[in-house]
Protein backbone atom coordinates (compact mmCIF):
# COMPACT_ATOMS: atom_id res chain seq x y z
CA MET A 1 4.18 44.67 -52.90
CA ASP A 2 4.25 41.75 -55.24
CA VAL A 3 5.36 38.35 -54.00
CA GLU A 4 8.22 38.34 -56.51
CA ILE A 5 9.63 41.55 -55.08
CA ILE A 6 9.53 40.18 -51.54
CA ILE A 7 11.20 36.94 -52.62
CA GLY A 8 13.86 38.91 -54.50
CA CYS A 9 14.59 41.09 -51.47
CA VAL A 10 14.89 38.03 -49.25
CA ILE A 11 17.28 36.36 -51.70
CA ILE A 12 19.40 39.51 -51.90
CA ALA A 13 19.49 39.81 -48.11
CA LEU A 14 20.55 36.17 -47.74
CA ALA A 15 23.25 36.56 -50.39
CA LEU A 16 24.60 39.69 -48.71
CA GLY A 17 24.62 37.92 -45.34
CA GLY A 18 26.54 35.02 -46.87
CA ILE A 19 29.12 37.33 -48.40
CA ILE A 20 29.62 39.10 -45.07
CA ALA A 21 29.98 35.78 -43.21
CA LEU A 22 32.56 34.47 -45.69
CA ASN A 23 34.46 37.74 -45.54
CA LEU A 24 34.64 37.70 -41.74
CA TRP A 25 35.65 34.02 -41.67
CA SER A 26 38.42 34.54 -44.22
CA ARG A 27 39.77 37.64 -42.44
CA ARG A 28 39.91 35.70 -39.18
CA THR A 29 41.75 32.83 -40.89
CA ILE A 30 44.23 35.17 -42.59
CA ASN A 31 44.93 36.98 -39.32
CA ARG A 32 45.52 33.67 -37.51
CA ILE A 33 47.98 32.58 -40.21
CA ALA A 34 49.77 35.94 -40.04
CA GLN A 35 50.07 35.80 -36.24
CA ASN A 36 51.51 32.29 -36.23
CA GLY A 37 54.04 33.15 -38.90
CA TYR A 38 53.96 29.91 -40.86
CA ARG A 39 56.45 29.67 -43.68
CA THR A 40 54.85 27.15 -46.02
CA ALA A 41 51.38 26.05 -47.05
CA ARG A 42 52.03 22.60 -45.56
CA GLN A 43 52.75 24.08 -42.15
CA THR A 44 49.60 26.17 -42.36
CA LEU A 45 47.43 23.19 -43.30
CA ARG A 46 48.92 21.03 -40.53
CA GLU A 47 48.27 23.66 -37.87
CA MET A 48 44.75 24.34 -39.09
CA GLN A 49 43.94 20.61 -38.95
CA ARG A 50 45.34 20.37 -35.41
CA ASP A 51 43.16 23.29 -34.25
CA LYS A 52 39.96 21.49 -35.19
């Protein structure tokens, strides 16, 4: 295999891993917001800042 092909495969694997990580993180955040039942964006932001 050429070096360029290996580098390209590594970049694609890293990009796919990043997409999966962001997807899982956003799903977790959306589920937490849905469970708490916040009404407004301000309430959501306040609670998320308190959880940190």
